[in-house]
């Protein structure tokens, strides 16, 4: 439905003697500004794509899409706000963190599956494994060998207990031979990077767009990319699979969700608008610069399946590592 159709329906509903039915109210969506809740801090690697998408949606829809950052308890505070919103105009822009909630938190104020309706997967972002530049290794096999010879000697950083980069690191250590490396959680990669640079920790996985500047300046060594293909920005860095960790693939991802019980027509219209935005050349180019591989053919059903598959993938890793909210 285009903007003219939206406006025509809105005008018809206000004519004397006409009472809008539930169906026409749904057809009029959005009838008020849409809140896109991002459960991460403003300016971060999740917030930036969310704002780009919101800006384009605002140009396309008859109402603005406003990003609202709601942080706290990981992604719990922001997600809870959306789960309890029943206005059809409050959505969640979330990541892989959503797939870990059930296992990491003992008592959640919502159910990550039952209380949400996936609308669309918008993209995936690979991670890059970095090591301190003075560590005596220059490849992933050399790093694995170093860890095997020195179990428990070295520390690695993550962006928080149970965060995507923590999970991806534990997956690597397990698949590379149950390597024993100590986990040190930080409040984000910006807080962890100084300790990687000075050698307090020797290894960190970070989303590729955050890691790239440090690798390109030679401040750290980039050893592997977590996706199935190399990054065009650093084609010399192999994937984990190319470097010998068979079957390893990990990435963070971005998804838009609505509260469970949202009318199907609203979900369908929101999905169509999101796919249209994600197919725009300007959006794909900007997000490619941020190392995001965009998705423009997602459906609510495929997004739900993707989420369930991610939960199945990460649950055993979380349990094996004993990861719990701190």
C-alpha atoms as a PDB file:
ATOM      1  CA  UNK A   1       0.000   0.000   0.000  1.00  0.00           C
ATOM      2  CA  UNK A   2       1.448   3.375  -0.966  1.00  0.00           C
ATOM      3  CA  UNK A   3       1.210   6.703   0.823  1.00  0.00           C
ATOM      4  CA  UNK A   4      -1.736   7.910  -1.278  1.00  0.00           C
ATOM      5  CA  UNK A   5      -3.731   4.787  -0.410  1.00  0.00           C
ATOM      6  CA  UNK A   6      -2.957   5.267   3.282  1.00  0.00           C
ATOM      7  CA  UNK A   7      -4.144   8.860   3.206  1.00  0.00           C
ATOM      8  CA  UNK A   8      -7.262   8.004   1.224  1.00  0.00           C
ATOM      9  CA  UNK A   9      -8.240   5.358   3.757  1.00  0.00           C
ATOM     10  CA  UNK A  10      -7.628   7.798   6.597  1.00  0.00           C
ATOM     11  CA  UNK A  11      -9.857  10.421   4.969  1.00  0.00           C
ATOM     12  CA  UNK A  12     -12.651   7.914   4.308  1.00  0.00           C
ATOM     13  CA  UNK A  13     -12.663   6.823   7.938  1.00  0.00           C
ATOM     14  CA  UNK A  14     -13.412  10.371   9.086  1.00  0.00           C
ATOM     15  CA  UNK A  15     -16.422  11.009   6.802  1.00  0.00           C
ATOM     16  CA  UNK A  16     -19.684  11.656   8.689  1.00  0.00           C
ATOM     17  CA  UNK A  17     -21.646   8.502   9.412  1.00  0.00           C
ATOM     18  CA  UNK A  18     -18.724   6.183   8.877  1.00  0.00           C
ATOM     19  CA  UNK A  19     -17.326   4.286  11.859  1.00  0.00           C
ATOM     20  CA  UNK A  20     -13.929   2.662  11.264  1.00  0.00           C
ATOM     21  CA  UNK A  21     -13.962  -1.104  11.636  1.00  0.00           C
ATOM     22  CA  UNK A  22     -11.103  -3.107  13.150  1.00  0.00           C
ATOM     23  CA  UNK A  23     -10.095  -4.087   9.641  1.00  0.00           C
ATOM     24  CA  UNK A  24      -9.923  -0.512   8.424  1.00  0.00           C
ATOM     25  CA  UNK A  25      -7.975   0.507  11.529  1.00  0.00           C
ATOM     26  CA  UNK A  26      -5.415  -2.173  10.737  1.00  0.00           C
ATOM     27  CA  UNK A  27      -5.334  -1.094   7.110  1.00  0.00           C
ATOM     28  CA  UNK A  28      -4.570   2.426   8.301  1.00  0.00           C
ATOM     29  CA  UNK A  29      -1.369   1.322  10.006  1.00  0.00           C
ATOM     30  CA  UNK A  30       0.643   3.233  10.972  1.00  0.00           C
ATOM     31  CA  UNK A  31      -1.821   5.697  12.456  1.00  0.00           C
ATOM     32  CA  UNK A  32       0.737   7.219  14.829  1.00  0.00           C
ATOM     33  CA  UNK A  33       4.537   7.480  15.056  1.00  0.00           C
ATOM     34  CA  UNK A  34       6.335   4.154  15.411  1.00  0.00           C
ATOM     35  CA  UNK A  35       8.766   3.676  18.281  1.00  0.00           C
ATOM     36  CA  UNK A  36      11.709   1.496  17.297  1.00  0.00           C
ATOM     37  CA  UNK A  37      13.264   0.440  20.598  1.00  0.00           C
ATOM     38  CA  UNK A  38      16.984  -0.325  20.469  1.00  0.00           C
ATOM     39  CA  UNK A  39      18.124  -2.022  23.708  1.00  0.00           C
ATOM     40  CA  UNK A  40      21.676  -0.731  23.217  1.00  0.00           C
ATOM     41  CA  UNK A  41      23.388   2.606  23.708  1.00  0.00           C
ATOM     42  CA  UNK A  42      23.084   5.386  21.145  1.00  0.00           C
ATOM     43  CA  UNK A  43      25.900   5.556  18.608  1.00  0.00           C
ATOM     44  CA  UNK A  44      26.845   1.886  18.921  1.00  0.00           C
ATOM     45  CA  UNK A  45      27.069  -0.784  16.197  1.00  0.00           C
ATOM     46  CA  UNK A  46      23.393  -1.731  16.622  1.00  0.00           C
ATOM     47  CA  UNK A  47      22.050   1.788  16.968  1.00  0.00           C
ATOM     48  CA  UNK A  48      23.651   3.157  13.780  1.00  0.00           C
ATOM     49  CA  UNK A  49      21.943   0.719  11.350  1.00  0.00           C
ATOM     50  CA  UNK A  50      18.676   1.057  13.265  1.00  0.00           C
ATOM     51  CA  UNK A  51      18.700   4.829  12.771  1.00  0.00           C
ATOM     52  CA  UNK A  52      19.511   4.529   9.076  1.00  0.00           C
ATOM     53  CA  UNK A  53      16.611   2.129   8.597  1.00  0.00           C
ATOM     54  CA  UNK A  54      14.283   4.296  10.696  1.00  0.00           C
ATOM     55  CA  UNK A  55      15.114   7.368   8.618  1.00  0.00           C
ATOM     56  CA  UNK A  56      14.267   5.579   5.372  1.00  0.00           C
ATOM     57  CA  UNK A  57      11.062   4.118   6.823  1.00  0.00           C
ATOM     58  CA  UNK A  58      10.051   7.624   7.898  1.00  0.00           C
ATOM     59  CA  UNK A  59      10.312   8.788   4.287  1.00  0.00           C
ATOM     60  CA  UNK A  60       8.249   5.857   3.060  1.00  0.00           C
ATOM     61  CA  UNK A  61       5.466   5.577   5.641  1.00  0.00           C
ATOM     62  CA  UNK A  62       2.835   8.192   6.522  1.00  0.00           C
ATOM     63  CA  UNK A  63       4.221   8.363  10.075  1.00  0.00           C
ATOM     64  CA  UNK A  64       7.702   8.875  11.478  1.00  0.00           C
ATOM     65  CA  UNK A  65       9.773   6.021  12.919  1.00  0.00           C
ATOM     66  CA  UNK A  66      11.539   7.218  16.054  1.00  0.00           C
ATOM     67  CA  UNK A  67      14.484   5.325  17.557  1.00  0.00           C
ATOM     68  CA  UNK A  68      14.368   5.024  21.323  1.00  0.00           C
ATOM     69  CA  UNK A  69      17.410   3.656  23.176  1.00  0.00           C
ATOM     70  CA  UNK A  70      16.346   1.640  26.243  1.00  0.00           C
ATOM     71  CA  UNK A  71      19.341   0.025  27.908  1.00  0.00           C
ATOM     72  CA  UNK A  72      19.696  -2.008  31.078  1.00  0.00           C
ATOM     73  CA  UNK A  73      20.267  -5.631  32.170  1.00  0.00           C
ATOM     74  CA  UNK A  74      21.721  -6.477  28.794  1.00  0.00           C
ATOM     75  CA  UNK A  75      18.783  -6.190  26.416  1.00  0.00           C
ATOM     76  CA  UNK A  76      16.154  -7.041  29.023  1.00  0.00           C
ATOM     77  CA  UNK A  77      14.852  -3.557  29.846  1.00  0.00           C
ATOM     78  CA  UNK A  78      14.298  -2.508  26.245  1.00  0.00           C
ATOM     79  CA  UNK A  79      12.861  -5.865  25.212  1.00  0.00           C
ATOM     80  CA  UNK A  80      10.453  -5.871  28.152  1.00  0.00           C
ATOM     81  CA  UNK A  81       9.155  -2.438  27.172  1.00  0.00           C
ATOM     82  CA  UNK A  82       8.278  -3.755  23.715  1.00  0.00           C
ATOM     83  CA  UNK A  83       6.805  -7.035  24.950  1.00  0.00           C
ATOM     84  CA  UNK A  84       4.314  -5.102  27.076  1.00  0.00           C
ATOM     85  CA  UNK A  85       3.403  -2.554  24.378  1.00  0.00           C
ATOM     86  CA  UNK A  86       0.145  -3.482  22.686  1.00  0.00           C
ATOM     87  CA  UNK A  87      -0.380  -0.402  20.541  1.00  0.00           C
ATOM     88  CA  UNK A  88       0.845  -1.898  17.257  1.00  0.00           C
ATOM     89  CA  UNK A  89       3.320   0.959  16.952  1.00  0.00           C
ATOM     90  CA  UNK A  90       6.181  -0.170  19.199  1.00  0.00           C
ATOM     91  CA  UNK A  91       8.842  -2.455  17.728  1.00  0.00           C
ATOM     92  CA  UNK A  92      12.132  -3.957  18.881  1.00  0.00           C
ATOM     93  CA  UNK A  93      15.390  -3.739  16.929  1.00  0.00           C
ATOM     94  CA  UNK A  94      17.460  -6.500  18.466  1.00  0.00           C
ATOM     95  CA  UNK A  95      20.391  -8.841  17.893  1.00  0.00           C
ATOM     96  CA  UNK A  96      21.751 -12.301  18.656  1.00  0.00           C
ATOM     97  CA  UNK A  97      21.469 -11.346  22.343  1.00  0.00           C
ATOM     98  CA  UNK A  98      17.753 -12.150  22.089  1.00  0.00           C
ATOM     99  CA  UNK A  99      18.559 -15.771  21.273  1.00  0.00           C
ATOM    100  CA  UNK A 100      20.545 -16.181  24.494  1.00  0.00           C
ATOM    101  CA  UNK A 101      18.065 -14.655  26.935  1.00  0.00           C
ATOM    102  CA  UNK A 102      16.289 -17.827  28.053  1.00  0.00           C
ATOM    103  CA  UNK A 103      19.495 -19.593  29.026  1.00  0.00           C
ATOM    104  CA  UNK A 104      21.363 -16.685  30.556  1.00  0.00           C
ATOM    105  CA  UNK A 105      18.640 -15.150  32.721  1.00  0.00           C
ATOM    106  CA  UNK A 106      16.925 -17.246  35.386  1.00  0.00           C
ATOM    107  CA  UNK A 107      13.896 -14.965  35.729  1.00  0.00           C
ATOM    108  CA  UNK A 108      12.796 -12.865  32.775  1.00  0.00           C
ATOM    109  CA  UNK A 109       9.757 -10.566  32.863  1.00  0.00           C
ATOM    110  CA  UNK A 110       8.817 -11.853  29.388  1.00  0.00           C
ATOM    111  CA  UNK A 111       9.237 -14.898  27.188  1.00  0.00           C
ATOM    112  CA  UNK A 112      11.696 -14.198  24.322  1.00  0.00           C
ATOM    113  CA  UNK A 113       9.697 -16.427  21.962  1.00  0.00           C
ATOM    114  CA  UNK A 114       6.069 -16.403  23.072  1.00  0.00           C
ATOM    115  CA  UNK A 115       5.894 -12.649  23.683  1.00  0.00           C
ATOM    116  CA  UNK A 116       7.319 -11.525  20.344  1.00  0.00           C
ATOM    117  CA  UNK A 117       6.429 -11.706  16.669  1.00  0.00           C
ATOM    118  CA  UNK A 118       9.490 -11.595  14.368  1.00  0.00           C
ATOM    119  CA  UNK A 119       8.892  -9.219  11.462  1.00  0.00           C
ATOM    120  CA  UNK A 120      12.098  -9.344   9.428  1.00  0.00           C
ATOM    121  CA  UNK A 121      15.770 -10.192   9.612  1.00  0.00           C
ATOM    122  CA  UNK A 122      17.581  -7.115   8.319  1.00  0.00           C
ATOM    123  CA  UNK A 123      21.173  -8.320   8.152  1.00  0.00           C
ATOM    124  CA  UNK A 124      24.150 -10.183   9.565  1.00  0.00           C
ATOM    125  CA  UNK A 125      27.532  -8.826  10.655  1.00  0.00           C
ATOM    126  CA  UNK A 126      30.634 -11.039  10.846  1.00  0.00           C
ATOM    127  CA  UNK A 127      33.190 -10.872  13.619  1.00  0.00           C
ATOM    128  CA  UNK A 128      36.952 -10.642  13.492  1.00  0.00           C
ATOM    129  CA  UNK A 129      39.388 -12.352  15.818  1.00  0.00           C
ATOM    130  CA  UNK A 130      42.149  -9.999  16.939  1.00  0.00           C
ATOM    131  CA  UNK A 131      45.226 -10.607  19.078  1.00  0.00           C
ATOM    132  CA  UNK A 132      47.722  -8.313  20.735  1.00  0.00           C
ATOM    133  CA  UNK A 133      50.350  -7.288  18.200  1.00  0.00           C
ATOM    134  CA  UNK A 134      53.216  -8.563  20.404  1.00  0.00           C
ATOM    135  CA  UNK A 135      51.765 -12.038  20.872  1.00  0.00           C
ATOM    136  CA  UNK A 136      54.167 -14.440  19.110  1.00  0.00           C
ATOM    137  CA  UNK A 137      51.619 -15.744  16.598  1.00  0.00           C
ATOM    138  CA  UNK A 138      50.740 -14.646  13.063  1.00  0.00           C
ATOM    139  CA  UNK A 139      47.974 -17.074  12.153  1.00  0.00           C
ATOM    140  CA  UNK A 140      45.008 -18.821  13.703  1.00  0.00           C
ATOM    141  CA  UNK A 141      46.722 -22.261  13.730  1.00  0.00           C
ATOM    142  CA  UNK A 142      49.643 -20.708  15.612  1.00  0.00           C
ATOM    143  CA  UNK A 143      47.236 -19.160  18.138  1.00  0.00           C
ATOM    144  CA  UNK A 144      45.477 -22.505  18.661  1.00  0.00           C
ATOM    145  CA  UNK A 145      48.837 -24.204  19.194  1.00  0.00           C
ATOM    146  CA  UNK A 146      49.884 -21.535  21.713  1.00  0.00           C
ATOM    147  CA  UNK A 147      46.669 -22.001  23.693  1.00  0.00           C
ATOM    148  CA  UNK A 148      47.011 -25.799  23.599  1.00  0.00           C
ATOM    149  CA  UNK A 149      50.528 -25.616  25.029  1.00  0.00           C
ATOM    150  CA  UNK A 150      49.520 -23.108  27.734  1.00  0.00           C
ATOM    151  CA  UNK A 151      46.066 -24.055  29.099  1.00  0.00           C
ATOM    152  CA  UNK A 152      44.669 -21.412  31.426  1.00  0.00           C
ATOM    153  CA  UNK A 153      47.612 -19.048  31.004  1.00  0.00           C
ATOM    154  CA  UNK A 154      46.011 -16.458  28.743  1.00  0.00           C
ATOM    155  CA  UNK A 155      42.950 -14.220  28.998  1.00  0.00           C
ATOM    156  CA  UNK A 156      40.529 -13.103  26.320  1.00  0.00           C
ATOM    157  CA  UNK A 157      38.125 -10.160  26.332  1.00  0.00           C
ATOM    158  CA  UNK A 158      34.458  -9.970  25.454  1.00  0.00           C
ATOM    159  CA  UNK A 159      31.926  -7.154  25.383  1.00  0.00           C
ATOM    160  CA  UNK A 160      30.003  -8.612  28.301  1.00  0.00           C
ATOM    161  CA  UNK A 161      28.932 -11.840  29.920  1.00  0.00           C
ATOM    162  CA  UNK A 162      26.622 -13.687  27.549  1.00  0.00           C
ATOM    163  CA  UNK A 163      27.028 -11.121  24.760  1.00  0.00           C
ATOM    164  CA  UNK A 164      27.379 -12.195  21.146  1.00  0.00           C
ATOM    165  CA  UNK A 165      31.155 -11.917  21.202  1.00  0.00           C
ATOM    166  CA  UNK A 166      31.372 -13.997  24.368  1.00  0.00           C
ATOM    167  CA  UNK A 167      29.285 -16.734  22.768  1.00  0.00           C
ATOM    168  CA  UNK A 168      31.296 -16.648  19.545  1.00  0.00           C
ATOM    169  CA  UNK A 169      34.561 -16.848  21.486  1.00  0.00           C
ATOM    170  CA  UNK A 170      33.384 -19.872  23.448  1.00  0.00           C
ATOM    171  CA  UNK A 171      32.264 -21.537  20.217  1.00  0.00           C
ATOM    172  CA  UNK A 172      35.751 -21.003  18.764  1.00  0.00           C
ATOM    173  CA  UNK A 173      37.512 -22.372  21.861  1.00  0.00           C
ATOM    174  CA  UNK A 174      35.283 -25.440  21.864  1.00  0.00           C
ATOM    175  CA  UNK A 175      35.537 -26.196  18.145  1.00  0.00           C
ATOM    176  CA  UNK A 176      39.298 -25.617  18.102  1.00  0.00           C
ATOM    177  CA  UNK A 177      39.814 -28.387  20.656  1.00  0.00           C
ATOM    178  CA  UNK A 178      38.281 -27.302  23.989  1.00  0.00           C
ATOM    179  CA  UNK A 179      40.975 -24.694  24.519  1.00  0.00           C
ATOM    180  CA  UNK A 180      41.343 -23.307  28.043  1.00  0.00           C
ATOM    181  CA  UNK A 181      41.489 -19.505  27.904  1.00  0.00           C
ATOM    182  CA  UNK A 182      40.141 -17.273  30.676  1.00  0.00           C
ATOM    183  CA  UNK A 183      37.186 -15.003  29.934  1.00  0.00           C
ATOM    184  CA  UNK A 184      37.323 -11.347  31.020  1.00  0.00           C
ATOM    185  CA  UNK A 185      34.055  -9.466  30.379  1.00  0.00           C
ATOM    186  CA  UNK A 186      34.051  -5.714  29.711  1.00  0.00           C
ATOM    187  CA  UNK A 187      31.307  -3.148  29.235  1.00  0.00           C
ATOM    188  CA  UNK A 188      31.626  -3.045  25.459  1.00  0.00           C
ATOM    189  CA  UNK A 189      34.517  -3.260  23.025  1.00  0.00           C
ATOM    190  CA  UNK A 190      35.577   0.341  23.642  1.00  0.00           C
ATOM    191  CA  UNK A 191      36.296  -0.573  27.253  1.00  0.00           C
ATOM    192  CA  UNK A 192      38.104  -3.784  26.296  1.00  0.00           C
ATOM    193  CA  UNK A 193      40.295  -2.445  23.498  1.00  0.00           C
ATOM    194  CA  UNK A 194      42.861  -0.628  25.694  1.00  0.00           C
ATOM    195  CA  UNK A 195      43.608  -3.879  27.522  1.00  0.00           C
ATOM    196  CA  UNK A 196      43.976  -5.750  24.230  1.00  0.00           C
ATOM    197  CA  UNK A 197      46.378  -3.073  23.020  1.00  0.00           C
ATOM    198  CA  UNK A 198      48.513  -3.215  26.176  1.00  0.00           C
ATOM    199  CA  UNK A 199      48.476  -7.001  26.450  1.00  0.00           C
ATOM    200  CA  UNK A 200      46.405  -7.392  29.622  1.00  0.00           C
ATOM    201  CA  UNK A 201      44.224  -9.665  27.474  1.00  0.00           C
ATOM    202  CA  UNK A 202      45.668 -11.283  24.358  1.00  0.00           C
ATOM    203  CA  UNK A 203      42.583 -12.033  22.253  1.00  0.00           C
ATOM    204  CA  UNK A 204      39.217 -10.530  21.420  1.00  0.00           C
ATOM    205  CA  UNK A 205      36.483 -11.211  18.910  1.00  0.00           C
ATOM    206  CA  UNK A 206      34.697  -8.040  17.872  1.00  0.00           C
ATOM    207  CA  UNK A 207      32.177  -7.134  15.207  1.00  0.00           C
ATOM    208  CA  UNK A 208      34.139  -6.530  12.033  1.00  0.00           C
ATOM    209  CA  UNK A 209      33.179  -2.875  11.608  1.00  0.00           C
ATOM    210  CA  UNK A 210      34.591  -2.067  15.059  1.00  0.00           C
ATOM    211  CA  UNK A 211      37.722  -4.189  14.618  1.00  0.00           C
ATOM    212  CA  UNK A 212      38.674  -2.983  11.137  1.00  0.00           C
ATOM    213  CA  UNK A 213      40.276   0.378  12.050  1.00  0.00           C
ATOM    214  CA  UNK A 214      42.587  -1.204  14.618  1.00  0.00           C
ATOM    215  CA  UNK A 215      43.636  -3.967  12.217  1.00  0.00           C
ATOM    216  CA  UNK A 216      44.132  -1.596   9.300  1.00  0.00           C
ATOM    217  CA  UNK A 217      46.321   0.676  11.440  1.00  0.00           C
ATOM    218  CA  UNK A 218      48.421  -2.286  12.563  1.00  0.00           C
ATOM    219  CA  UNK A 219      47.590  -1.803  16.226  1.00  0.00           C
ATOM    220  CA  UNK A 220      46.421  -5.424  16.539  1.00  0.00           C
ATOM    221  CA  UNK A 221      46.714  -8.525  14.400  1.00  0.00           C
ATOM    222  CA  UNK A 222      43.582  -9.760  12.641  1.00  0.00           C
ATOM    223  CA  UNK A 223      43.700 -13.546  12.339  1.00  0.00           C
ATOM    224  CA  UNK A 224      40.293 -14.739  11.167  1.00  0.00           C
ATOM    225  CA  UNK A 225      36.823 -13.713   9.948  1.00  0.00           C
ATOM    226  CA  UNK A 226      33.842 -15.530  11.436  1.00  0.00           C
ATOM    227  CA  UNK A 227      31.648 -15.625   8.324  1.00  0.00           C
ATOM    228  CA  UNK A 228      31.813 -18.142   5.490  1.00  0.00           C
ATOM    229  CA  UNK A 229      33.441 -15.606   3.163  1.00  0.00           C
ATOM    230  CA  UNK A 230      36.316 -13.152   3.542  1.00  0.00           C
ATOM    231  CA  UNK A 231      35.708  -9.449   3.953  1.00  0.00           C
ATOM    232  CA  UNK A 232      36.404  -7.252   0.941  1.00  0.00           C
ATOM    233  CA  UNK A 233      37.974  -4.634   3.220  1.00  0.00           C
ATOM    234  CA  UNK A 234      40.669  -7.081   4.428  1.00  0.00           C
ATOM    235  CA  UNK A 235      40.788  -9.866   1.823  1.00  0.00           C
ATOM    236  CA  UNK A 236      44.096 -11.141   3.198  1.00  0.00           C
ATOM    237  CA  UNK A 237      42.476 -12.334   6.441  1.00  0.00           C
ATOM    238  CA  UNK A 238      41.100 -15.890   6.115  1.00  0.00           C
ATOM    239  CA  UNK A 239      37.854 -17.237   7.509  1.00  0.00           C
ATOM    240  CA  UNK A 240      37.966 -19.521  10.544  1.00  0.00           C
ATOM    241  CA  UNK A 241      37.125 -22.454   8.297  1.00  0.00           C
ATOM    242  CA  UNK A 242      39.954 -21.637   5.893  1.00  0.00           C
ATOM    243  CA  UNK A 243      42.282 -21.346   8.883  1.00  0.00           C
ATOM    244  CA  UNK A 244      41.464 -24.836  10.111  1.00  0.00           C
ATOM    245  CA  UNK A 245      38.460 -24.565  12.453  1.00  0.00           C
ATOM    246  CA  UNK A 246      36.063 -26.771  10.531  1.00  0.00           C
ATOM    247  CA  UNK A 247      32.417 -25.726  10.522  1.00  0.00           C
ATOM    248  CA  UNK A 248      32.989 -22.522  12.468  1.00  0.00           C
ATOM    249  CA  UNK A 249      30.633 -19.709  11.541  1.00  0.00           C
ATOM    250  CA  UNK A 250      29.290 -16.978  13.782  1.00  0.00           C
ATOM    251  CA  UNK A 251      27.914 -13.504  13.364  1.00  0.00           C
ATOM    252  CA  UNK A 252      25.723 -11.091  15.116  1.00  0.00           C
ATOM    253  CA  UNK A 253      22.457 -10.278  13.391  1.00  0.00           C
ATOM    254  CA  UNK A 254      19.772  -7.617  13.461  1.00  0.00           C
ATOM    255  CA  UNK A 255      16.044  -8.311  13.545  1.00  0.00           C
ATOM    256  CA  UNK A 256      12.865  -6.286  13.947  1.00  0.00           C
ATOM    257  CA  UNK A 257      10.148  -7.725  16.190  1.00  0.00           C
ATOM    258  CA  UNK A 258       6.699  -6.681  17.329  1.00  0.00           C
ATOM    259  CA  UNK A 259       4.823  -7.808  20.446  1.00  0.00           C
ATOM    260  CA  UNK A 260       2.971 -11.097  20.139  1.00  0.00           C
ATOM    261  CA  UNK A 261      -0.661 -10.612  19.207  1.00  0.00           C
ATOM    262  CA  UNK A 262       0.012  -7.739  16.810  1.00  0.00           C
ATOM    263  CA  UNK A 263      -2.522  -7.936  13.937  1.00  0.00           C
ATOM    264  CA  UNK A 264      -1.222  -9.955  11.009  1.00  0.00           C
ATOM    265  CA  UNK A 265      -1.892  -7.106   8.588  1.00  0.00           C
ATOM    266  CA  UNK A 266       0.392  -4.844  10.626  1.00  0.00           C
ATOM    267  CA  UNK A 267       3.160  -7.458  10.621  1.00  0.00           C
ATOM    268  CA  UNK A 268       2.765  -7.935   6.865  1.00  0.00           C
ATOM    269  CA  UNK A 269       2.862  -4.221   6.075  1.00  0.00           C
ATOM    270  CA  UNK A 270       5.849  -3.613   8.356  1.00  0.00           C
ATOM    271  CA  UNK A 271       7.685  -6.536   6.775  1.00  0.00           C
ATOM    272  CA  UNK A 272       7.073  -5.199   3.274  1.00  0.00           C
ATOM    273  CA  UNK A 273       8.318  -1.731   4.237  1.00  0.00           C
ATOM    274  CA  UNK A 274      11.460  -3.144   5.873  1.00  0.00           C
ATOM    275  CA  UNK A 275      12.286  -5.310   2.858  1.00  0.00           C
ATOM    276  CA  UNK A 276      11.844  -2.319   0.564  1.00  0.00           C
ATOM    277  CA  UNK A 277      14.278  -0.276   2.665  1.00  0.00           C
ATOM    278  CA  UNK A 278      16.823  -3.101   2.854  1.00  0.00           C
ATOM    279  CA  UNK A 279      16.716  -3.460  -0.951  1.00  0.00           C
ATOM    280  CA  UNK A 280      17.662   0.197  -1.525  1.00  0.00           C
ATOM    281  CA  UNK A 281      21.102   0.578  -3.089  1.00  0.00           C
ATOM    282  CA  UNK A 282      21.976   3.497  -0.818  1.00  0.00           C
ATOM    283  CA  UNK A 283      21.103   1.499   2.293  1.00  0.00           C
ATOM    284  CA  UNK A 284      22.980  -1.585   1.123  1.00  0.00           C
ATOM    285  CA  UNK A 285      26.062   0.511   0.320  1.00  0.00           C
ATOM    286  CA  UNK A 286      26.053   2.311   3.670  1.00  0.00           C
ATOM    287  CA  UNK A 287      25.552  -0.891   5.639  1.00  0.00           C
ATOM    288  CA  UNK A 288      28.183  -2.687   3.564  1.00  0.00           C
ATOM    289  CA  UNK A 289      30.616  -0.025   4.753  1.00  0.00           C
ATOM    290  CA  UNK A 290      29.669  -1.177   8.255  1.00  0.00           C
ATOM    291  CA  UNK A 291      30.367  -4.798   7.181  1.00  0.00           C
ATOM    292  CA  UNK A 292      26.677  -5.743   7.355  1.00  0.00           C
ATOM    293  CA  UNK A 293      25.352  -8.193   4.802  1.00  0.00           C
ATOM    294  CA  UNK A 294      21.797  -6.950   4.268  1.00  0.00           C
ATOM    295  CA  UNK A 295      18.707  -9.139   3.879  1.00  0.00           C
ATOM    296  CA  UNK A 296      15.834  -7.840   1.773  1.00  0.00           C
ATOM    297  CA  UNK A 297      13.698 -10.945   1.275  1.00  0.00           C
ATOM    298  CA  UNK A 298      12.948 -11.892   4.867  1.00  0.00           C
ATOM    299  CA  UNK A 299       9.449 -12.986   5.831  1.00  0.00           C
ATOM    300  CA  UNK A 300       7.966 -13.202   9.329  1.00  0.00           C
ATOM    301  CA  UNK A 301       8.084 -16.990   9.020  1.00  0.00           C
ATOM    302  CA  UNK A 302      11.693 -17.122   7.858  1.00  0.00           C
ATOM    303  CA  UNK A 303      12.719 -14.659  10.582  1.00  0.00           C
ATOM    304  CA  UNK A 304      11.029 -16.825  13.212  1.00  0.00           C
ATOM    305  CA  UNK A 305      12.800 -19.931  11.899  1.00  0.00           C
ATOM    306  CA  UNK A 306      16.122 -18.085  11.893  1.00  0.00           C
ATOM    307  CA  UNK A 307      15.606 -17.075  15.527  1.00  0.00           C
ATOM    308  CA  UNK A 308      14.708 -20.626  16.560  1.00  0.00           C
ATOM    309  CA  UNK A 309      17.770 -21.993  14.747  1.00  0.00           C
ATOM    310  CA  UNK A 310      20.001 -19.477  16.536  1.00  0.00           C
ATOM    311  CA  UNK A 311      18.560 -20.472  19.908  1.00  0.00           C
ATOM    312  CA  UNK A 312      19.242 -24.136  19.097  1.00  0.00           C
ATOM    313  CA  UNK A 313      22.806 -23.293  18.042  1.00  0.00           C
ATOM    314  CA  UNK A 314      23.800 -21.228  21.056  1.00  0.00           C
ATOM    315  CA  UNK A 315      21.955 -22.989  23.890  1.00  0.00           C
ATOM    316  CA  UNK A 316      24.464 -25.871  24.207  1.00  0.00           C
ATOM    317  CA  UNK A 317      27.391 -23.429  24.031  1.00  0.00           C
ATOM    318  CA  UNK A 318      25.882 -21.345  26.837  1.00  0.00           C
ATOM    319  CA  UNK A 319      25.266 -24.428  28.963  1.00  0.00           C
ATOM    320  CA  UNK A 320      28.707 -25.932  28.357  1.00  0.00           C
ATOM    321  CA  UNK A 321      30.418 -22.668  29.302  1.00  0.00           C
ATOM    322  CA  UNK A 322      28.137 -22.149  32.301  1.00  0.00           C
ATOM    323  CA  UNK A 323      27.252 -18.633  31.162  1.00  0.00           C
ATOM    324  CA  UNK A 324      24.805 -16.806  33.421  1.00  0.00           C
ATOM    325  CA  UNK A 325      23.840 -13.172  33.822  1.00  0.00           C
ATOM    326  CA  UNK A 326      26.156 -11.398  36.228  1.00  0.00           C
END
